[in-house]
Amino acid sequence: MNCPGIQDRIHAYMDGELDLVTALGVEQHLSVCPACRYAHAKHEVSRTIVRRHATIYAAPPSMRTYVLAQITPPRTLLRATLSKLLPMSRSWFGPALAMSVALMSAVMAFVAAPGESDRLPEEIVSGHVRTLISGHFTEIASSDQRAVKPWFDGKLDFSPPVDNLAAQGFALVGGRLDYIKERRVAALVYSHRGHPINVFVWPAADGDIALRSRSHKGYNLVNWTHAGMFFCAVSDLSHTELIELARMLQTDIG
């Protein structure tokens, strides 16, 4: 696909309306085309602004009760459907019906309530893209970790570890505050071969978790938990380079 074709599909890609092959083609193109990635980033920021600031009216609890009362209970619906389509003996009708109801309930719950693992990459990539568009990467611009680390004092309820890895090719640019998972978090900014990297940090509820990598909307993410902190590095750099940074940060924290 060429650039006009990609940009025509950006909205559908962002809304998850493309088939798998087309979506992968768009994502691959975004990873190598700065112009289309910039167009995608503008749409992403616009959508984020609308989502956060547009007026939203929550339906009252009574509406949920009313709607559920109008829906045929799944057990009744399934029993009627299976009775017509699947002649079966009474010996296994009950177990089959129970399994069908359980499966339907699981699918409905999954569709209605996407997990945190689905929302978190979206928030992190949005935070990264905002900095790319605004150019506002840091609130304290310094390569000296002794200046960056104390800057967070009093602004957060935790103290993020800060390291300058310029000798290893990952120069500390500075830091800023960001907002992820409905809380203030630290954002440490690094640069590698001219590519900015945001490393988001906040306290972790669980113990150490090994490195995990994934891609989301043309950007690569590597996250891990170490020494009581959750980390997530995001950039248009390769997974290999982000994992290299992550391992060095793990080693320096000890």
C-alpha atoms as a PDB file:
ATOM      1  CA  MET A   1       0.000   0.000   0.000  1.00  0.00           C
ATOM      2  CA  ASN A   2       1.165   3.521  -0.783  1.00  0.00           C
ATOM      3  CA  CYS A   3       0.885   6.559   1.488  1.00  0.00           C
ATOM      4  CA  PRO A   4      -2.545   7.773   0.230  1.00  0.00           C
ATOM      5  CA  GLY A   5      -3.935   4.279   0.690  1.00  0.00           C
ATOM      6  CA  ILE A   6      -2.540   4.054   4.206  1.00  0.00           C
ATOM      7  CA  GLN A   7      -3.869   7.461   5.224  1.00  0.00           C
ATOM      8  CA  ASP A   8      -7.320   6.563   3.875  1.00  0.00           C
ATOM      9  CA  ARG A   9      -7.297   3.554   6.202  1.00  0.00           C
ATOM     10  CA  ILE A  10      -5.894   5.192   9.333  1.00  0.00           C
ATOM     11  CA  HIS A  11      -9.289   5.822  10.954  1.00  0.00           C
ATOM     12  CA  ALA A  12     -10.450   2.277  10.256  1.00  0.00           C
ATOM     13  CA  TYR A  13      -7.127   0.961  11.587  1.00  0.00           C
ATOM     14  CA  MET A  14      -7.447   2.964  14.793  1.00  0.00           C
ATOM     15  CA  ASP A  15     -11.024   1.721  15.284  1.00  0.00           C
ATOM     16  CA  GLY A  16     -10.038  -1.926  14.738  1.00  0.00           C
ATOM     17  CA  GLU A  17     -12.230  -2.237  11.640  1.00  0.00           C
ATOM     18  CA  LEU A  18      -9.614  -3.658   9.252  1.00  0.00           C
ATOM     19  CA  ASP A  19      -9.081  -7.324   8.558  1.00  0.00           C
ATOM     20  CA  LEU A  20      -5.908  -8.841  10.000  1.00  0.00           C
ATOM     21  CA  VAL A  21      -3.861  -8.788   6.785  1.00  0.00           C
ATOM     22  CA  THR A  22      -4.708  -5.151   6.010  1.00  0.00           C
ATOM     23  CA  ALA A  23      -4.113  -4.064   9.617  1.00  0.00           C
ATOM     24  CA  LEU A  24      -0.682  -5.720   9.597  1.00  0.00           C
ATOM     25  CA  GLY A  25       0.110  -3.971   6.312  1.00  0.00           C
ATOM     26  CA  VAL A  26      -0.821  -0.599   7.790  1.00  0.00           C
ATOM     27  CA  GLU A  27       1.195  -1.269  10.943  1.00  0.00           C
ATOM     28  CA  GLN A  28       4.247  -2.290   8.920  1.00  0.00           C
ATOM     29  CA  HIS A  29       3.983   0.834   6.762  1.00  0.00           C
ATOM     30  CA  LEU A  30       3.678   3.073   9.837  1.00  0.00           C
ATOM     31  CA  SER A  31       6.875   1.582  11.247  1.00  0.00           C
ATOM     32  CA  VAL A  32       8.911   2.768   8.223  1.00  0.00           C
ATOM     33  CA  CYS A  33       7.107   5.901   6.988  1.00  0.00           C
ATOM     34  CA  PRO A  34       7.534   9.063   9.110  1.00  0.00           C
ATOM     35  CA  ALA A  35       4.898  11.012   7.150  1.00  0.00           C
ATOM     36  CA  CYS A  36       2.157   8.444   7.685  1.00  0.00           C
ATOM     37  CA  ARG A  37       3.237   7.891  11.270  1.00  0.00           C
ATOM     38  CA  TYR A  38       2.877  11.627  11.857  1.00  0.00           C
ATOM     39  CA  ALA A  39      -0.625  11.589  10.319  1.00  0.00           C
ATOM     40  CA  HIS A  40      -1.523   8.658  12.544  1.00  0.00           C
ATOM     41  CA  ALA A  41      -0.127  10.457  15.583  1.00  0.00           C
ATOM     42  CA  LYS A  42      -2.253  13.557  14.897  1.00  0.00           C
ATOM     43  CA  HIS A  43      -5.392  11.443  14.738  1.00  0.00           C
ATOM     44  CA  GLU A  44      -4.335   9.635  17.916  1.00  0.00           C
ATOM     45  CA  VAL A  45      -3.892  12.877  19.820  1.00  0.00           C
ATOM     46  CA  SER A  46      -7.224  14.233  18.565  1.00  0.00           C
ATOM     47  CA  ARG A  47      -9.001  11.083  19.658  1.00  0.00           C
ATOM     48  CA  THR A  48      -7.302  11.197  23.060  1.00  0.00           C
ATOM     49  CA  ILE A  49      -8.333  14.824  23.582  1.00  0.00           C
ATOM     50  CA  VAL A  50     -11.943  14.048  22.660  1.00  0.00           C
ATOM     51  CA  ARG A  51     -12.012  10.994  24.901  1.00  0.00           C
ATOM     52  CA  ARG A  52     -10.649  12.913  27.877  1.00  0.00           C
ATOM     53  CA  HIS A  53     -12.488  16.192  27.530  1.00  0.00           C
ATOM     54  CA  ALA A  54     -15.731  15.609  25.609  1.00  0.00           C
ATOM     55  CA  THR A  55     -18.837  15.515  27.776  1.00  0.00           C
ATOM     56  CA  ILE A  56     -19.893  11.984  28.684  1.00  0.00           C
ATOM     57  CA  TYR A  57     -23.242  11.189  30.248  1.00  0.00           C
ATOM     58  CA  ALA A  58     -23.368   8.036  32.326  1.00  0.00           C
ATOM     59  CA  ALA A  59     -26.550   6.007  32.088  1.00  0.00           C
ATOM     60  CA  PRO A  60     -28.396   5.692  35.424  1.00  0.00           C
ATOM     61  CA  PRO A  61     -28.455   2.247  37.108  1.00  0.00           C
ATOM     62  CA  SER A  62     -32.177   1.993  36.402  1.00  0.00           C
ATOM     63  CA  MET A  63     -31.476   1.872  32.664  1.00  0.00           C
ATOM     64  CA  ARG A  64     -29.274  -1.199  33.037  1.00  0.00           C
ATOM     65  CA  THR A  65     -32.016  -2.920  35.036  1.00  0.00           C
ATOM     66  CA  TYR A  66     -34.578  -2.036  32.372  1.00  0.00           C
ATOM     67  CA  VAL A  67     -32.435  -3.219  29.450  1.00  0.00           C
ATOM     68  CA  LEU A  68     -31.560  -6.515  31.117  1.00  0.00           C
ATOM     69  CA  ALA A  69     -35.236  -7.099  31.842  1.00  0.00           C
ATOM     70  CA  GLN A  70     -36.016  -6.816  28.111  1.00  0.00           C
ATOM     71  CA  ILE A  71     -33.391  -9.361  27.078  1.00  0.00           C
ATOM     72  CA  THR A  72     -34.293 -13.039  26.859  1.00  0.00           C
ATOM     73  CA  PRO A  73     -32.219 -14.842  29.495  1.00  0.00           C
ATOM     74  CA  PRO A  74     -29.327 -16.690  27.800  1.00  0.00           C
ATOM     75  CA  ARG A  75     -30.356 -20.049  29.261  1.00  0.00           C
ATOM     76  CA  THR A  76     -33.889 -19.750  27.870  1.00  0.00           C
ATOM     77  CA  LEU A  77     -32.639 -18.552  24.481  1.00  0.00           C
ATOM     78  CA  LEU A  78     -30.065 -21.315  24.188  1.00  0.00           C
ATOM     79  CA  ARG A  79     -32.480 -24.014  25.268  1.00  0.00           C
ATOM     80  CA  ALA A  80     -34.989 -22.940  22.621  1.00  0.00           C
ATOM     81  CA  THR A  81     -32.348 -22.763  19.895  1.00  0.00           C
ATOM     82  CA  LEU A  82     -30.666 -26.044  20.742  1.00  0.00           C
ATOM     83  CA  SER A  83     -33.998 -27.810  21.001  1.00  0.00           C
ATOM     84  CA  LYS A  84     -34.772 -26.880  17.394  1.00  0.00           C
ATOM     85  CA  LEU A  85     -31.365 -27.378  15.826  1.00  0.00           C
ATOM     86  CA  LEU A  86     -29.783 -30.217  17.772  1.00  0.00           C
ATOM     87  CA  PRO A  87     -31.987 -33.222  18.462  1.00  0.00           C
ATOM     88  CA  MET A  88     -30.305 -34.887  21.389  1.00  0.00           C
ATOM     89  CA  SER A  89     -30.991 -37.273  24.196  1.00  0.00           C
ATOM     90  CA  ARG A  90     -31.754 -35.952  27.647  1.00  0.00           C
ATOM     91  CA  SER A  91     -28.591 -37.643  28.919  1.00  0.00           C
ATOM     92  CA  TRP A  92     -26.266 -34.996  27.478  1.00  0.00           C
ATOM     93  CA  PHE A  93     -28.567 -32.060  26.746  1.00  0.00           C
ATOM     94  CA  GLY A  94     -28.013 -30.588  30.208  1.00  0.00           C
ATOM     95  CA  PRO A  95     -24.180 -30.651  30.159  1.00  0.00           C
ATOM     96  CA  ALA A  96     -24.097 -29.302  26.612  1.00  0.00           C
ATOM     97  CA  LEU A  97     -26.446 -26.474  27.542  1.00  0.00           C
ATOM     98  CA  ALA A  98     -24.416 -25.616  30.634  1.00  0.00           C
ATOM     99  CA  MET A  99     -21.214 -25.529  28.611  1.00  0.00           C
ATOM    100  CA  SER A 100     -22.843 -23.278  25.990  1.00  0.00           C
ATOM    101  CA  VAL A 101     -24.115 -20.872  28.629  1.00  0.00           C
ATOM    102  CA  ALA A 102     -20.687 -20.728  30.271  1.00  0.00           C
ATOM    103  CA  LEU A 103     -19.011 -20.082  26.925  1.00  0.00           C
ATOM    104  CA  MET A 104     -21.481 -17.331  26.027  1.00  0.00           C
ATOM    105  CA  SER A 105     -21.018 -15.687  29.424  1.00  0.00           C
ATOM    106  CA  ALA A 106     -17.229 -15.750  29.049  1.00  0.00           C
ATOM    107  CA  VAL A 107     -17.361 -14.266  25.564  1.00  0.00           C
ATOM    108  CA  MET A 108     -19.817 -11.540  26.632  1.00  0.00           C
ATOM    109  CA  ALA A 109     -17.659 -10.642  29.636  1.00  0.00           C
ATOM    110  CA  PHE A 110     -14.538 -10.443  27.453  1.00  0.00           C
ATOM    111  CA  VAL A 111     -16.210  -8.203  24.878  1.00  0.00           C
ATOM    112  CA  ALA A 112     -17.889  -5.952  27.439  1.00  0.00           C
ATOM    113  CA  ALA A 113     -14.875  -5.441  29.678  1.00  0.00           C
ATOM    114  CA  PRO A 114     -11.492  -5.373  27.927  1.00  0.00           C
ATOM    115  CA  GLY A 115      -8.647  -6.046  30.322  1.00  0.00           C
ATOM    116  CA  GLU A 116      -5.998  -3.683  31.553  1.00  0.00           C
ATOM    117  CA  SER A 117      -3.499  -5.405  29.251  1.00  0.00           C
ATOM    118  CA  ASP A 118      -5.509  -4.033  26.295  1.00  0.00           C
ATOM    119  CA  ARG A 119      -5.806  -0.469  27.644  1.00  0.00           C
ATOM    120  CA  LEU A 120      -2.298   0.029  28.967  1.00  0.00           C
ATOM    121  CA  PRO A 121      -0.414  -0.066  25.618  1.00  0.00           C
ATOM    122  CA  GLU A 122      -2.966   2.412  24.237  1.00  0.00           C
ATOM    123  CA  GLU A 123      -2.315   4.850  27.099  1.00  0.00           C
ATOM    124  CA  ILE A 124       1.450   4.484  26.889  1.00  0.00           C
ATOM    125  CA  VAL A 125       1.625   4.936  23.120  1.00  0.00           C
ATOM    126  CA  SER A 126      -0.702   7.949  23.394  1.00  0.00           C
ATOM    127  CA  GLY A 127       1.616   9.491  25.972  1.00  0.00           C
ATOM    128  CA  HIS A 128       4.595   8.889  23.698  1.00  0.00           C
ATOM    129  CA  VAL A 129       2.829  10.320  20.655  1.00  0.00           C
ATOM    130  CA  ARG A 130       1.799  13.461  22.529  1.00  0.00           C
ATOM    131  CA  THR A 131       5.454  14.245  23.134  1.00  0.00           C
ATOM    132  CA  LEU A 132       6.346  13.620  19.491  1.00  0.00           C
ATOM    133  CA  ILE A 133       3.705  16.045  18.252  1.00  0.00           C
ATOM    134  CA  SER A 134       4.195  18.748  20.862  1.00  0.00           C
ATOM    135  CA  GLY A 135       7.975  18.421  21.058  1.00  0.00           C
ATOM    136  CA  HIS A 136       7.538  18.740  24.833  1.00  0.00           C
ATOM    137  CA  PHE A 137       9.654  15.773  25.879  1.00  0.00           C
ATOM    138  CA  THR A 138      10.963  17.065  29.189  1.00  0.00           C
ATOM    139  CA  GLU A 139      10.116  19.369  32.045  1.00  0.00           C
ATOM    140  CA  ILE A 140      13.674  19.085  33.260  1.00  0.00           C
ATOM    141  CA  ALA A 141      16.219  18.821  30.461  1.00  0.00           C
ATOM    142  CA  SER A 142      19.448  17.361  31.785  1.00  0.00           C
ATOM    143  CA  SER A 143      21.792  14.449  31.148  1.00  0.00           C
ATOM    144  CA  ASP A 144      22.800  14.426  34.821  1.00  0.00           C
ATOM    145  CA  GLN A 145      20.818  11.846  36.779  1.00  0.00           C
ATOM    146  CA  ARG A 146      21.787  13.704  39.977  1.00  0.00           C
ATOM    147  CA  ALA A 147      19.711  16.632  38.714  1.00  0.00           C
ATOM    148  CA  VAL A 148      16.832  14.671  37.186  1.00  0.00           C
ATOM    149  CA  LYS A 149      16.133  12.301  40.089  1.00  0.00           C
ATOM    150  CA  PRO A 150      15.626  14.973  42.804  1.00  0.00           C
ATOM    151  CA  TRP A 151      13.449  16.988  40.425  1.00  0.00           C
ATOM    152  CA  PHE A 152      10.688  14.402  40.992  1.00  0.00           C
ATOM    153  CA  ASP A 153      10.796  14.891  44.777  1.00  0.00           C
ATOM    154  CA  GLY A 154       7.504  16.282  46.027  1.00  0.00           C
ATOM    155  CA  LYS A 155       5.841  15.797  42.634  1.00  0.00           C
ATOM    156  CA  LEU A 156       5.317  12.044  42.990  1.00  0.00           C
ATOM    157  CA  ASP A 157       4.654   9.700  45.904  1.00  0.00           C
ATOM    158  CA  PHE A 158       7.640   7.583  44.863  1.00  0.00           C
ATOM    159  CA  SER A 159      11.221   8.134  43.742  1.00  0.00           C
ATOM    160  CA  PRO A 160      11.976   6.734  40.258  1.00  0.00           C
ATOM    161  CA  PRO A 161      15.446   5.322  39.580  1.00  0.00           C
ATOM    162  CA  VAL A 162      17.332   7.444  37.029  1.00  0.00           C
ATOM    163  CA  ASP A 163      20.416   6.382  35.056  1.00  0.00           C
ATOM    164  CA  ASN A 164      22.402   7.972  32.249  1.00  0.00           C
ATOM    165  CA  LEU A 165      23.567   5.303  29.811  1.00  0.00           C
ATOM    166  CA  ALA A 166      25.241   7.623  27.308  1.00  0.00           C
ATOM    167  CA  ALA A 167      28.396   5.504  27.321  1.00  0.00           C
ATOM    168  CA  GLN A 168      26.297   2.558  26.146  1.00  0.00           C
ATOM    169  CA  GLY A 169      24.558   4.616  23.454  1.00  0.00           C
ATOM    170  CA  PHE A 170      21.405   5.594  25.381  1.00  0.00           C
ATOM    171  CA  ALA A 171      21.788   9.191  26.496  1.00  0.00           C
ATOM    172  CA  LEU A 172      19.558  10.591  29.226  1.00  0.00           C
ATOM    173  CA  VAL A 173      17.722  13.660  27.906  1.00  0.00           C
ATOM    174  CA  GLY A 174      15.672  14.516  30.978  1.00  0.00           C
ATOM    175  CA  GLY A 175      12.365  13.764  32.650  1.00  0.00           C
ATOM    176  CA  ARG A 176       8.788  14.934  33.080  1.00  0.00           C
ATOM    177  CA  LEU A 177       5.511  13.998  34.710  1.00  0.00           C
ATOM    178  CA  ASP A 178       2.872  12.082  32.769  1.00  0.00           C
ATOM    179  CA  TYR A 179      -0.541  10.588  33.492  1.00  0.00           C
ATOM    180  CA  ILE A 180      -1.051   6.828  33.032  1.00  0.00           C
ATOM    181  CA  LYS A 181      -3.544   4.487  34.694  1.00  0.00           C
ATOM    182  CA  GLU A 182      -5.310   7.465  36.292  1.00  0.00           C
ATOM    183  CA  ARG A 183      -2.244   8.501  38.264  1.00  0.00           C
ATOM    184  CA  ARG A 184       0.863  10.625  37.946  1.00  0.00           C
ATOM    185  CA  VAL A 185       3.897   8.689  36.761  1.00  0.00           C
ATOM    186  CA  ALA A 186       7.516   9.466  35.959  1.00  0.00           C
ATOM    187  CA  ALA A 187       8.603   9.654  32.327  1.00  0.00           C
ATOM    188  CA  LEU A 188      12.340   9.362  31.722  1.00  0.00           C
ATOM    189  CA  VAL A 189      13.462  10.405  28.255  1.00  0.00           C
ATOM    190  CA  TYR A 190      16.413   8.825  26.461  1.00  0.00           C
ATOM    191  CA  SER A 191      17.832   9.207  22.968  1.00  0.00           C
ATOM    192  CA  HIS A 192      19.404   6.506  20.808  1.00  0.00           C
ATOM    193  CA  ARG A 193      20.612   7.185  17.264  1.00  0.00           C
ATOM    194  CA  GLY A 194      18.422  10.301  17.220  1.00  0.00           C
ATOM    195  CA  HIS A 195      15.276   8.383  18.237  1.00  0.00           C
ATOM    196  CA  PRO A 196      13.491   9.523  21.410  1.00  0.00           C
ATOM    197  CA  ILE A 197      12.542   6.869  23.951  1.00  0.00           C
ATOM    198  CA  ASN A 198      10.032   7.357  26.745  1.00  0.00           C
ATOM    199  CA  VAL A 199      10.483   5.118  29.777  1.00  0.00           C
ATOM    200  CA  PHE A 200       7.405   5.306  32.003  1.00  0.00           C
ATOM    201  CA  VAL A 201       7.895   4.340  35.658  1.00  0.00           C
ATOM    202  CA  TRP A 202       5.546   3.822  38.605  1.00  0.00           C
ATOM    203  CA  PRO A 203       5.352   1.535  41.672  1.00  0.00           C
ATOM    204  CA  ALA A 204       4.514  -2.097  40.990  1.00  0.00           C
ATOM    205  CA  ALA A 205       2.057  -4.156  42.988  1.00  0.00           C
ATOM    206  CA  ASP A 206       3.668  -7.482  42.052  1.00  0.00           C
ATOM    207  CA  GLY A 207       7.182  -8.886  42.265  1.00  0.00           C
ATOM    208  CA  ASP A 208       9.755  -8.913  39.487  1.00  0.00           C
ATOM    209  CA  ILE A 209       8.375  -9.738  36.029  1.00  0.00           C
ATOM    210  CA  ALA A 210      10.608 -10.630  33.083  1.00  0.00           C
ATOM    211  CA  LEU A 211      10.874  -8.471  29.977  1.00  0.00           C
ATOM    212  CA  ARG A 212       7.836  -8.503  27.725  1.00  0.00           C
ATOM    213  CA  SER A 213       7.699  -6.921  24.292  1.00  0.00           C
ATOM    214  CA  ARG A 214       4.893  -6.082  21.884  1.00  0.00           C
ATOM    215  CA  SER A 215       3.956  -3.627  19.149  1.00  0.00           C
ATOM    216  CA  HIS A 216       1.040  -1.223  19.165  1.00  0.00           C
ATOM    217  CA  LYS A 217       0.043   1.069  16.316  1.00  0.00           C
ATOM    218  CA  GLY A 218       3.465   1.308  14.743  1.00  0.00           C
ATOM    219  CA  TYR A 219       5.454   1.632  17.978  1.00  0.00           C
ATOM    220  CA  ASN A 220       7.371  -0.961  19.975  1.00  0.00           C
ATOM    221  CA  LEU A 221       7.034  -1.410  23.725  1.00  0.00           C
ATOM    222  CA  VAL A 222       9.093  -3.359  26.253  1.00  0.00           C
ATOM    223  CA  ASN A 223       7.870  -3.576  29.835  1.00  0.00           C
ATOM    224  CA  TRP A 224       9.169  -5.223  32.971  1.00  0.00           C
ATOM    225  CA  THR A 225       8.885  -5.038  36.746  1.00  0.00           C
ATOM    226  CA  HIS A 226      11.987  -4.777  38.895  1.00  0.00           C
ATOM    227  CA  ALA A 227      12.912  -3.599  42.379  1.00  0.00           C
ATOM    228  CA  GLY A 228       9.331  -2.624  43.180  1.00  0.00           C
ATOM    229  CA  MET A 229       8.832  -0.539  40.035  1.00  0.00           C
ATOM    230  CA  PHE A 230       6.984  -1.079  36.766  1.00  0.00           C
ATOM    231  CA  PHE A 231       8.849   0.129  33.663  1.00  0.00           C
ATOM    232  CA  CYS A 232       7.722   0.470  30.064  1.00  0.00           C
ATOM    233  CA  ALA A 233       9.986   1.731  27.273  1.00  0.00           C
ATOM    234  CA  VAL A 234       8.290   2.894  24.066  1.00  0.00           C
ATOM    235  CA  SER A 235       9.795   4.120  20.799  1.00  0.00           C
ATOM    236  CA  ASP A 236       9.930   3.490  17.070  1.00  0.00           C
ATOM    237  CA  LEU A 237      13.225   1.691  17.666  1.00  0.00           C
ATOM    238  CA  SER A 238      13.358  -2.079  17.256  1.00  0.00           C
ATOM    239  CA  HIS A 239      12.435  -4.493  20.031  1.00  0.00           C
ATOM    240  CA  THR A 240      16.083  -5.581  20.168  1.00  0.00           C
ATOM    241  CA  GLU A 241      17.281  -2.050  20.945  1.00  0.00           C
ATOM    242  CA  LEU A 242      14.584  -1.446  23.561  1.00  0.00           C
ATOM    243  CA  ILE A 243      15.394  -4.771  25.233  1.00  0.00           C
ATOM    244  CA  GLU A 244      19.056  -3.741  25.299  1.00  0.00           C
ATOM    245  CA  LEU A 245      18.090  -0.550  27.138  1.00  0.00           C
ATOM    246  CA  ALA A 246      15.826  -2.450  29.516  1.00  0.00           C
ATOM    247  CA  ARG A 247      18.553  -4.902  30.464  1.00  0.00           C
ATOM    248  CA  MET A 248      21.019  -2.116  31.168  1.00  0.00           C
ATOM    249  CA  LEU A 249      18.469  -0.341  33.369  1.00  0.00           C
ATOM    250  CA  GLN A 250      17.806  -3.574  35.268  1.00  0.00           C
ATOM    251  CA  THR A 251      21.526  -4.071  35.833  1.00  0.00           C
ATOM    252  CA  ASP A 252      22.128  -0.513  37.035  1.00  0.00           C
ATOM    253  CA  ILE A 253      19.207  -0.623  39.468  1.00  0.00           C
ATOM    254  CA  GLY A 254      20.603  -3.855  40.927  1.00  0.00           C
END
